[in-house]
C-alpha atoms as a PDB file:
ATOM      1  CA  MET A   1     -24.495  27.742 -27.746  1.00  0.00           C
ATOM      2  CA  LYS A   2     -21.128  26.059 -28.116  1.00  0.00           C
ATOM      3  CA  ASN A   3     -19.372  29.406 -28.569  1.00  0.00           C
ATOM      4  CA  LEU A   4     -21.229  30.787 -25.551  1.00  0.00           C
ATOM      5  CA  PHE A   5     -20.080  27.828 -23.431  1.00  0.00           C
ATOM      6  CA  TYR A   6     -16.422  28.329 -24.376  1.00  0.00           C
ATOM      7  CA  THR A   7     -16.721  32.072 -23.794  1.00  0.00           C
ATOM      8  CA  LEU A   8     -18.128  31.489 -20.307  1.00  0.00           C
ATOM      9  CA  LEU A   9     -15.449  28.879 -19.564  1.00  0.00           C
ATOM     10  CA  LEU A  10     -12.687  31.229 -20.702  1.00  0.00           C
ATOM     11  CA  GLY A  11     -14.158  33.994 -18.581  1.00  0.00           C
ATOM     12  CA  LEU A  12     -14.256  31.696 -15.569  1.00  0.00           C
ATOM     13  CA  LEU A  13     -10.635  30.670 -16.071  1.00  0.00           C
ATOM     14  CA  LEU A  14      -9.501  34.278 -16.449  1.00  0.00           C
ATOM     15  CA  THR A  15     -11.417  35.254 -13.316  1.00  0.00           C
ATOM     16  CA  SER A  16      -9.874  32.347 -11.451  1.00  0.00           C
ATOM     17  CA  CYS A  17      -6.354  33.272 -12.614  1.00  0.00           C
ATOM     18  CA  SER A  18      -6.976  36.914 -11.744  1.00  0.00           C
ATOM     19  CA  GLU A  19      -8.232  35.926  -8.283  1.00  0.00           C
ATOM     20  CA  PHE A  20      -5.167  33.730  -7.726  1.00  0.00           C
ATOM     21  CA  GLN A  21      -2.741  36.451  -8.825  1.00  0.00           C
ATOM     22  CA  LYS A  22      -4.492  38.952  -6.588  1.00  0.00           C
ATOM     23  CA  ALA A  23      -4.277  36.613  -3.580  1.00  0.00           C
ATOM     24  CA  LEU A  24      -0.652  35.836  -4.361  1.00  0.00           C
ATOM     25  CA  LYS A  25       0.243  39.544  -4.106  1.00  0.00           C
ATOM     26  CA  SER A  26      -2.083  40.264  -1.190  1.00  0.00           C
ATOM     27  CA  GLU A  27      -0.889  40.853   2.382  1.00  0.00           C
ATOM     28  CA  ASP A  28      -4.089  39.264   3.712  1.00  0.00           C
ATOM     29  CA  ILE A  29      -3.126  35.815   5.010  1.00  0.00           C
ATOM     30  CA  ALA A  30      -6.772  34.855   5.592  1.00  0.00           C
ATOM     31  CA  GLU A  31      -7.487  35.483   1.913  1.00  0.00           C
ATOM     32  CA  LYS A  32      -4.559  33.268   0.933  1.00  0.00           C
ATOM     33  CA  PHE A  33      -5.728  30.541   3.334  1.00  0.00           C
ATOM     34  CA  THR A  34      -9.293  30.597   2.011  1.00  0.00           C
ATOM     35  CA  LEU A  35      -8.376  30.583  -1.666  1.00  0.00           C
ATOM     36  CA  GLY A  36      -5.598  28.054  -1.090  1.00  0.00           C
ATOM     37  CA  THR A  37      -8.124  25.720   0.565  1.00  0.00           C
ATOM     38  CA  GLU A  38     -10.539  26.147  -2.361  1.00  0.00           C
ATOM     39  CA  LEU A  39      -7.775  25.417  -4.855  1.00  0.00           C
ATOM     40  CA  PHE A  40      -6.646  22.388  -2.840  1.00  0.00           C
ATOM     41  CA  GLU A  41     -10.178  20.984  -2.785  1.00  0.00           C
ATOM     42  CA  ALA A  42     -10.423  21.632  -6.532  1.00  0.00           C
ATOM     43  CA  GLU A  43      -7.211  19.558  -6.936  1.00  0.00           C
ATOM     44  CA  LYS A  44      -5.214  22.545  -8.165  1.00  0.00           C
ATOM     45  CA  TYR A  45      -2.349  21.561  -5.913  1.00  0.00           C
ATOM     46  CA  SER A  46       0.451  23.604  -7.457  1.00  0.00           C
ATOM     47  CA  LYS A  47      -1.407  26.898  -7.046  1.00  0.00           C
ATOM     48  CA  ALA A  48      -2.624  25.961  -3.570  1.00  0.00           C
ATOM     49  CA  ASN A  49       0.929  25.095  -2.591  1.00  0.00           C
ATOM     50  CA  ARG A  50       2.232  28.498  -3.686  1.00  0.00           C
ATOM     51  CA  LEU A  51      -0.287  30.247  -1.463  1.00  0.00           C
ATOM     52  CA  PHE A  52       0.316  27.912   1.488  1.00  0.00           C
ATOM     53  CA  ALA A  53       4.075  28.418   1.270  1.00  0.00           C
ATOM     54  CA  GLN A  54       3.556  32.157   1.795  1.00  0.00           C
ATOM     55  CA  ILE A  55       1.514  31.813   4.982  1.00  0.00           C
ATOM     56  CA  VAL A  56       2.863  28.761   6.827  1.00  0.00           C
ATOM     57  CA  PRO A  57       5.131  30.833   9.136  1.00  0.00           C
ATOM     58  CA  GLN A  58       2.300  33.249  10.064  1.00  0.00           C
ATOM     59  CA  TYR A  59      -0.071  30.441  11.053  1.00  0.00           C
ATOM     60  CA  ARG A  60       2.228  28.695  13.523  1.00  0.00           C
ATOM     61  CA  GLY A  61       0.403  28.243  16.821  1.00  0.00           C
ATOM     62  CA  LYS A  62      -2.976  29.229  15.372  1.00  0.00           C
ATOM     63  CA  PRO A  63      -6.030  26.917  15.331  1.00  0.00           C
ATOM     64  CA  GLN A  64      -5.948  26.675  11.531  1.00  0.00           C
ATOM     65  CA  ALA A  65      -2.285  25.601  11.483  1.00  0.00           C
ATOM     66  CA  GLU A  66      -3.032  21.873  11.649  1.00  0.00           C
ATOM     67  CA  LYS A  67      -5.327  21.961   8.619  1.00  0.00           C
ATOM     68  CA  LEU A  68      -2.924  24.236   6.749  1.00  0.00           C
ATOM     69  CA  MET A  69       0.102  21.997   7.384  1.00  0.00           C
ATOM     70  CA  TYR A  70      -1.817  18.897   6.315  1.00  0.00           C
ATOM     71  CA  MET A  71      -2.906  20.510   3.030  1.00  0.00           C
ATOM     72  CA  TYR A  72       0.576  21.947   2.501  1.00  0.00           C
ATOM     73  CA  SER A  73       2.164  18.497   2.944  1.00  0.00           C
ATOM     74  CA  LYS A  74      -0.463  16.764   0.813  1.00  0.00           C
ATOM     75  CA  SER A  75      -0.076  19.298  -1.990  1.00  0.00           C
ATOM     76  CA  TYR A  76       3.615  18.342  -2.303  1.00  0.00           C
ATOM     77  CA  TYR A  77       2.638  14.671  -2.407  1.00  0.00           C
ATOM     78  CA  MET A  78       0.023  15.248  -5.125  1.00  0.00           C
ATOM     79  CA  MET A  79       2.589  17.275  -7.090  1.00  0.00           C
ATOM     80  CA  LYS A  80       4.909  14.241  -6.841  1.00  0.00           C
ATOM     81  CA  ASP A  81       7.542  16.233  -5.012  1.00  0.00           C
ATOM     82  CA  TYR A  82       8.276  13.271  -2.764  1.00  0.00           C
ATOM     83  CA  HIS A  83      11.379  14.739  -1.130  1.00  0.00           C
ATOM     84  CA  LEU A  84       9.345  17.590   0.331  1.00  0.00           C
ATOM     85  CA  SER A  85       6.160  15.622   0.989  1.00  0.00           C
ATOM     86  CA  GLY A  86       8.124  13.051   2.983  1.00  0.00           C
ATOM     87  CA  TYR A  87       9.745  15.778   5.040  1.00  0.00           C
ATOM     88  CA  GLN A  88       6.579  17.848   5.531  1.00  0.00           C
ATOM     89  CA  PHE A  89       4.389  14.889   6.507  1.00  0.00           C
ATOM     90  CA  GLU A  90       7.046  13.828   8.996  1.00  0.00           C
ATOM     91  CA  ARG A  91       6.948  17.315  10.496  1.00  0.00           C
ATOM     92  CA  PHE A  92       3.165  17.268  10.562  1.00  0.00           C
ATOM     93  CA  GLU A  93       2.995  13.998  12.498  1.00  0.00           C
ATOM     94  CA  SER A  94       5.665  15.211  14.916  1.00  0.00           C
ATOM     95  CA  SER A  95       3.822  18.505  15.497  1.00  0.00           C
ATOM     96  CA  TYR A  96       0.325  17.000  15.697  1.00  0.00           C
ATOM     97  CA  PRO A  97       0.695  13.442  17.060  1.00  0.00           C
ATOM     98  CA  ARG A  98      -2.930  13.384  18.257  1.00  0.00           C
ATOM     99  CA  SER A  99      -4.371  14.639  14.990  1.00  0.00           C
ATOM    100  CA  GLU A 100      -6.917  12.437  13.218  1.00  0.00           C
ATOM    101  CA  LYS A 101      -4.623  12.859  10.216  1.00  0.00           C
ATOM    102  CA  ALA A 102      -1.472  11.684  12.048  1.00  0.00           C
ATOM    103  CA  GLU A 103      -1.698   8.084  10.852  1.00  0.00           C
ATOM    104  CA  GLU A 104      -2.331   9.103   7.250  1.00  0.00           C
ATOM    105  CA  ALA A 105       0.533  11.606   7.455  1.00  0.00           C
ATOM    106  CA  SER A 106       2.884   8.914   8.778  1.00  0.00           C
ATOM    107  CA  PHE A 107       1.800   6.569   5.986  1.00  0.00           C
ATOM    108  CA  LEU A 108       2.194   9.170   3.232  1.00  0.00           C
ATOM    109  CA  SER A 109       5.558  10.234   4.615  1.00  0.00           C
ATOM    110  CA  ALA A 110       6.788   6.626   4.472  1.00  0.00           C
ATOM    111  CA  LYS A 111       5.240   6.167   1.025  1.00  0.00           C
ATOM    112  CA  SER A 112       6.995   9.321  -0.182  1.00  0.00           C
ATOM    113  CA  PHE A 113      10.337   7.745   0.727  1.00  0.00           C
ATOM    114  CA  TYR A 114       9.216   4.553  -1.015  1.00  0.00           C
ATOM    115  CA  MET A 115       8.463   6.549  -4.170  1.00  0.00           C
ATOM    116  CA  LEU A 116      12.041   7.883  -4.118  1.00  0.00           C
ATOM    117  CA  SER A 117      13.559   4.396  -4.198  1.00  0.00           C
ATOM    118  CA  PRO A 118      15.472   4.014  -7.504  1.00  0.00           C
ATOM    119  CA  VAL A 119      15.755   1.013  -9.816  1.00  0.00           C
ATOM    120  CA  TYR A 120      17.767  -1.868  -8.343  1.00  0.00           C
ATOM    121  CA  SER A 121      20.848  -1.167 -10.481  1.00  0.00           C
ATOM    122  CA  LYS A 122      21.449   2.212  -8.813  1.00  0.00           C
ATOM    123  CA  GLU A 123      22.717   3.148  -5.354  1.00  0.00           C
ATOM    124  CA  GLN A 124      20.085   2.023  -2.825  1.00  0.00           C
ATOM    125  CA  LYS A 125      20.444   4.639  -0.055  1.00  0.00           C
ATOM    126  CA  GLU A 126      16.827   5.774  -0.543  1.00  0.00           C
ATOM    127  CA  THR A 127      15.588   2.168  -0.498  1.00  0.00           C
ATOM    128  CA  TYR A 128      17.140   1.530   2.918  1.00  0.00           C
ATOM    129  CA  GLU A 129      15.704   4.824   4.161  1.00  0.00           C
ATOM    130  CA  ALA A 130      12.235   3.914   2.862  1.00  0.00           C
ATOM    131  CA  LEU A 131      12.388   0.516   4.570  1.00  0.00           C
ATOM    132  CA  ASP A 132      13.289   2.213   7.855  1.00  0.00           C
ATOM    133  CA  LYS A 133      10.316   4.587   7.529  1.00  0.00           C
ATOM    134  CA  LEU A 134       7.924   1.779   6.641  1.00  0.00           C
ATOM    135  CA  GLN A 135       9.087  -0.337   9.581  1.00  0.00           C
ATOM    136  CA  ILE A 136       8.597   2.634  11.907  1.00  0.00           C
ATOM    137  CA  PHE A 137       5.058   3.016  10.559  1.00  0.00           C
ATOM    138  CA  ILE A 138       4.331  -0.687  11.172  1.00  0.00           C
ATOM    139  CA  SER A 139       5.593  -0.359  14.755  1.00  0.00           C
ATOM    140  CA  LYS A 140       3.451   2.713  15.407  1.00  0.00           C
ATOM    141  CA  TYR A 141       0.301   1.515  13.681  1.00  0.00           C
ATOM    142  CA  PRO A 142       0.253  -2.314  13.738  1.00  0.00           C
ATOM    143  CA  ASN A 143      -3.499  -2.400  13.082  1.00  0.00           C
ATOM    144  CA  SER A 144      -3.582   0.291  10.411  1.00  0.00           C
ATOM    145  CA  GLU A 145      -5.862   0.062   7.397  1.00  0.00           C
ATOM    146  CA  TYR A 146      -2.774   0.933   5.353  1.00  0.00           C
ATOM    147  CA  LEU A 147      -0.892  -2.163   6.542  1.00  0.00           C
ATOM    148  CA  PRO A 148      -1.570  -4.358   3.451  1.00  0.00           C
ATOM    149  CA  GLU A 149      -0.153  -1.657   1.169  1.00  0.00           C
ATOM    150  CA  VAL A 150       2.785  -1.050   3.511  1.00  0.00           C
ATOM    151  CA  ASN A 151       3.612  -4.767   3.543  1.00  0.00           C
ATOM    152  CA  GLU A 152       3.540  -4.846  -0.258  1.00  0.00           C
ATOM    153  CA  MET A 153       5.935  -1.887  -0.386  1.00  0.00           C
ATOM    154  CA  VAL A 154       8.293  -3.570   2.079  1.00  0.00           C
ATOM    155  CA  LYS A 155       8.191  -6.756   0.020  1.00  0.00           C
ATOM    156  CA  GLU A 156       8.977  -4.859  -3.185  1.00  0.00           C
ATOM    157  CA  LEU A 157      11.867  -2.940  -1.618  1.00  0.00           C
ATOM    158  CA  ASP A 158      13.320  -6.106  -0.060  1.00  0.00           C
ATOM    159  CA  TYR A 159      13.184  -7.790  -3.462  1.00  0.00           C
ATOM    160  CA  LYS A 160      14.982  -4.823  -5.008  1.00  0.00           C
ATOM    161  CA  LEU A 161      17.852  -5.112  -2.516  1.00  0.00           C
ATOM    162  CA  GLU A 162      17.892  -8.879  -3.032  1.00  0.00           C
ATOM    163  CA  LYS A 163      18.135  -8.514  -6.802  1.00  0.00           C
ATOM    164  CA  LYS A 164      20.893  -5.918  -6.531  1.00  0.00           C
ATOM    165  CA  ALA A 165      22.966  -8.152  -4.229  1.00  0.00           C
ATOM    166  CA  TYR A 166      22.449 -11.116  -6.567  1.00  0.00           C
ATOM    167  CA  GLU A 167      23.393  -9.124  -9.668  1.00  0.00           C
ATOM    168  CA  ILE A 168      26.559  -7.817  -7.986  1.00  0.00           C
ATOM    169  CA  ALA A 169      27.634 -11.370  -7.162  1.00  0.00           C
ATOM    170  CA  LYS A 170      26.800 -12.515 -10.680  1.00  0.00           C
ATOM    171  CA  GLN A 171      28.768  -9.622 -12.138  1.00  0.00           C
ATOM    172  CA  TYR A 172      31.871 -10.851 -10.312  1.00  0.00           C
ATOM    173  CA  ASN A 173      31.299 -14.231 -11.931  1.00  0.00           C
ATOM    174  CA  LYS A 174      31.082 -12.640 -15.381  1.00  0.00           C
ATOM    175  CA  ILE A 175      34.130 -10.399 -15.155  1.00  0.00           C
ATOM    176  CA  ALA A 176      36.177 -13.267 -13.695  1.00  0.00           C
ATOM    177  CA  TYR A 177      36.453 -14.682 -17.204  1.00  0.00           C
ATOM    178  CA  TYR A 178      38.840 -11.781 -17.834  1.00  0.00           C
ATOM    179  CA  ASP A 179      40.497 -11.781 -14.408  1.00  0.00           C
ATOM    180  CA  ALA A 180      40.539 -15.138 -12.592  1.00  0.00           C
ATOM    181  CA  SER A 181      41.167 -13.481  -9.204  1.00  0.00           C
ATOM    182  CA  ASP A 182      37.582 -12.230  -9.279  1.00  0.00           C
ATOM    183  CA  TYR A 183      36.295 -15.806  -8.891  1.00  0.00           C
ATOM    184  CA  GLU A 184      37.221 -15.635  -5.208  1.00  0.00           C
ATOM    185  CA  ALA A 185      35.273 -12.371  -4.921  1.00  0.00           C
ATOM    186  CA  ALA A 186      32.328 -14.013  -6.703  1.00  0.00           C
ATOM    187  CA  ILE A 187      32.326 -16.999  -4.324  1.00  0.00           C
ATOM    188  CA  LYS A 188      32.425 -14.705  -1.305  1.00  0.00           C
ATOM    189  CA  ALA A 189      29.659 -12.514  -2.759  1.00  0.00           C
ATOM    190  CA  PHE A 190      27.413 -15.545  -3.404  1.00  0.00           C
ATOM    191  CA  ASP A 191      28.151 -16.936   0.082  1.00  0.00           C
ATOM    192  CA  ASN A 192      27.180 -13.610   1.667  1.00  0.00           C
ATOM    193  CA  PHE A 193      24.098 -13.348  -0.538  1.00  0.00           C
ATOM    194  CA  LEU A 194      22.835 -16.801   0.483  1.00  0.00           C
ATOM    195  CA  ILE A 195      23.404 -15.992   4.157  1.00  0.00           C
ATOM    196  CA  ASP A 196      21.716 -12.576   3.929  1.00  0.00           C
ATOM    197  CA  TYR A 197      18.736 -13.805   1.863  1.00  0.00           C
ATOM    198  CA  PRO A 198      18.078 -17.440   2.858  1.00  0.00           C
ATOM    199  CA  GLY A 199      14.571 -17.441   1.360  1.00  0.00           C
ATOM    200  CA  THR A 200      15.506 -15.681  -1.868  1.00  0.00           C
ATOM    201  CA  SER A 201      13.895 -16.600  -5.169  1.00  0.00           C
ATOM    202  CA  PHE A 202      17.424 -16.404  -6.658  1.00  0.00           C
ATOM    203  CA  ARG A 203      18.741 -19.199  -4.410  1.00  0.00           C
ATOM    204  CA  GLU A 204      18.972 -21.856  -7.115  1.00  0.00           C
ATOM    205  CA  ASP A 205      20.844 -19.616  -9.553  1.00  0.00           C
ATOM    206  CA  ALA A 206      23.057 -18.203  -6.806  1.00  0.00           C
ATOM    207  CA  MET A 207      24.101 -21.709  -5.702  1.00  0.00           C
ATOM    208  CA  PHE A 208      24.811 -22.713  -9.300  1.00  0.00           C
ATOM    209  CA  TYR A 209      26.926 -19.670 -10.121  1.00  0.00           C
ATOM    210  CA  ARG A 210      28.776 -20.055  -6.822  1.00  0.00           C
ATOM    211  CA  LEU A 211      29.611 -23.602  -7.961  1.00  0.00           C
ATOM    212  CA  ASP A 212      30.573 -22.307 -11.408  1.00  0.00           C
ATOM    213  CA  SER A 213      32.950 -19.765  -9.834  1.00  0.00           C
ATOM    214  CA  ALA A 214      34.473 -22.331  -7.448  1.00  0.00           C
ATOM    215  CA  PHE A 215      34.841 -24.859 -10.278  1.00  0.00           C
ATOM    216  CA  THR A 216      36.654 -22.478 -12.618  1.00  0.00           C
ATOM    217  CA  LEU A 217      38.876 -21.183  -9.820  1.00  0.00           C
ATOM    218  CA  ALA A 218      39.820 -24.737  -8.792  1.00  0.00           C
ATOM    219  CA  ILE A 219      40.487 -26.047 -12.296  1.00  0.00           C
ATOM    220  CA  ASN A 220      42.791 -23.114 -13.096  1.00  0.00           C
ATOM    221  CA  SER A 221      44.619 -23.033  -9.768  1.00  0.00           C
ATOM    222  CA  VAL A 222      48.321 -23.646  -9.193  1.00  0.00           C
ATOM    223  CA  ARG A 223      48.940 -27.121  -7.782  1.00  0.00           C
ATOM    224  CA  ILE A 224      49.700 -26.003  -4.241  1.00  0.00           C
ATOM    225  CA  LYS A 225      46.170 -24.521  -3.917  1.00  0.00           C
ATOM    226  CA  LYS A 226      44.348 -26.832  -6.283  1.00  0.00           C
ATOM    227  CA  GLU A 227      43.321 -29.810  -4.131  1.00  0.00           C
ATOM    228  CA  ALA A 228      41.693 -27.678  -1.419  1.00  0.00           C
ATOM    229  CA  ARG A 229      39.829 -25.646  -4.041  1.00  0.00           C
ATOM    230  CA  LEU A 230      38.673 -28.775  -5.856  1.00  0.00           C
ATOM    231  CA  ASN A 231      37.221 -30.121  -2.600  1.00  0.00           C
ATOM    232  CA  THR A 232      35.480 -26.800  -1.945  1.00  0.00           C
ATOM    233  CA  ALA A 233      33.943 -26.886  -5.439  1.00  0.00           C
ATOM    234  CA  VAL A 234      32.759 -30.478  -4.879  1.00  0.00           C
ATOM    235  CA  ALA A 235      31.126 -29.420  -1.613  1.00  0.00           C
ATOM    236  CA  TYR A 236      29.284 -26.661  -3.479  1.00  0.00           C
ATOM    237  CA  TYR A 237      28.216 -29.176  -6.128  1.00  0.00           C
ATOM    238  CA  ASN A 238      26.877 -31.606  -3.503  1.00  0.00           C
ATOM    239  CA  SER A 239      24.920 -28.815  -1.841  1.00  0.00           C
ATOM    240  CA  PHE A 240      23.477 -27.617  -5.146  1.00  0.00           C
ATOM    241  CA  ILE A 241      22.456 -31.027  -6.449  1.00  0.00           C
ATOM    242  CA  LYS A 242      20.946 -31.995  -3.090  1.00  0.00           C
ATOM    243  CA  PHE A 243      18.499 -29.095  -3.184  1.00  0.00           C
ATOM    244  CA  TYR A 244      17.997 -28.829  -6.958  1.00  0.00           C
ATOM    245  CA  PRO A 245      18.410 -32.261  -8.587  1.00  0.00           C
ATOM    246  CA  GLU A 246      15.936 -31.304 -11.325  1.00  0.00           C
ATOM    247  CA  SER A 247      17.409 -27.862 -11.988  1.00  0.00           C
ATOM    248  CA  GLU A 248      17.906 -26.612 -15.525  1.00  0.00           C
ATOM    249  CA  HIS A 249      21.553 -26.215 -14.440  1.00  0.00           C
ATOM    250  CA  ALA A 250      21.833 -29.845 -13.287  1.00  0.00           C
ATOM    251  CA  GLU A 251      23.439 -31.127 -16.490  1.00  0.00           C
ATOM    252  CA  ALA A 252      26.127 -28.422 -16.431  1.00  0.00           C
ATOM    253  CA  ALA A 253      26.703 -29.010 -12.727  1.00  0.00           C
ATOM    254  CA  ASN A 254      27.110 -32.773 -13.253  1.00  0.00           C
ATOM    255  CA  LYS A 255      29.710 -32.185 -15.971  1.00  0.00           C
ATOM    256  CA  MET A 256      31.622 -29.889 -13.628  1.00  0.00           C
ATOM    257  CA  ASN A 257      31.566 -32.545 -10.919  1.00  0.00           C
ATOM    258  CA  GLU A 258      32.902 -35.185 -13.322  1.00  0.00           C
ATOM    259  CA  GLU A 259      35.831 -32.948 -14.168  1.00  0.00           C
ATOM    260  CA  LEU A 260      36.407 -32.115 -10.505  1.00  0.00           C
ATOM    261  CA  GLN A 261      36.496 -35.836  -9.610  1.00  0.00           C
ATOM    262  CA  THR A 262      38.945 -36.516 -12.453  1.00  0.00           C
ATOM    263  CA  GLU A 263      41.240 -33.773 -11.180  1.00  0.00           C
ATOM    264  CA  LEU A 264      41.017 -35.052  -7.606  1.00  0.00           C
ATOM    265  CA  GLU A 265      42.042 -38.548  -8.790  1.00  0.00           C
ATOM    266  CA  THR A 266      45.423 -37.163  -9.858  1.00  0.00           C
ATOM    267  CA  PHE A 267      46.107 -36.178  -6.263  1.00  0.00           C
ATOM    268  CA  LYS A 268      45.193 -39.665  -5.002  1.00  0.00           C
ATOM    269  CA  VAL A 269      47.498 -41.360  -7.513  1.00  0.00           C
ATOM    270  CA  LYS A 270      50.486 -39.167  -6.658  1.00  0.00           C
ATOM    271  CA  SER A 271      49.959 -39.451  -2.908  1.00  0.00           C
END
């Protein structure tokens, strides 16, 4: 019985493959549409996609075109070809704005761009593009059932950009140990980061490392620039300790402030 089952299964697979190959070579677009639909419904998206790709141009303007274009777009999505699914779903929604599938197409198009967003350490062009697409979706469908998922995607992408901006600023702080001029770049980067992301979860660390950069720059400055830089570092310390008096960085920050105050005393004595 077991051998009979496997024999029948093999026969079915061979028949299916033979039927697909026959349709692939056929000039009958209706045959390709029918088998492609069956394959799509059976979740054999790669094969369905190959058939759909052959007949899309011939079905333009026909009643079946809407269904065909939806399945064609969805097959790319299920194959994880997000570049093409994003593009095709966008085309579908543009061509069939009144379709019952328009909202889903808009959502899956935006989600395709989201899926293309790389890790935070890489160039974030796709992340910005995905955020644009998701915001467009929210504007078009403010009451959509997909909104909770869309909001989660937006939150994740925003965090990714936040983390990248923070890590860039922190990198300036690190490399400044080898080139003191980079402390100014680090301070500016942290200032911009705190302005751009006022509610960031990295705020405490960003304010501390901004202080650390300002402190080291001030302490190692030539005398003509030193007093102004010391005062700037003290201002950063006061801001940090005001908001985070119990921070794990508080002890280090307090030591920096003591040294800054000692250095400032030398200017008072000589004046």
